[in-house]
């Protein structure tokens, strides 16, 4: 691949990421909601002027469809980035805590069945008021440590 193309791709991704982030922050604000309500109000008030025509209805339908379509991609991009950042932060915490199970890193790569098994295990731990040291997992870990000694 040509080095300039790679640099252009990096710049395009950076610009899109910045645009997506700023847009998601902006449209998630109370002012964006007020603006949307104002647009709908103006559209509704102009109804009698345009005799509630098909064109009048088409304007709001087309506008909302286009905005919704574009927002899906912008918000999804922001959500993907946020989810990745959260996963990395949690992975770092799991690795930093000595008693944490490192197999919990990269849980997002497990099958649905494996995730369900882990969920049930944590429910059992929580239901019995057990922490990891009093759970079956904790007991097994202590037995393994003793057998290595």
Foldseek 3Di string as FASTA:
>chain_A
DDPVVVVVVVVVVVVLLVVLVVVVVVCPDPVVVVVVVVVVVVLVVCCVVVVVDPVSVVVVVVVVVVVVVVNVVSVVSVVVVVVVVVLVVVLVVQVVDPPHDNVCRPPVPDDPVVVVVVVVQVVVCVVVVHDCCPGPNNVVVVVVVVVVD
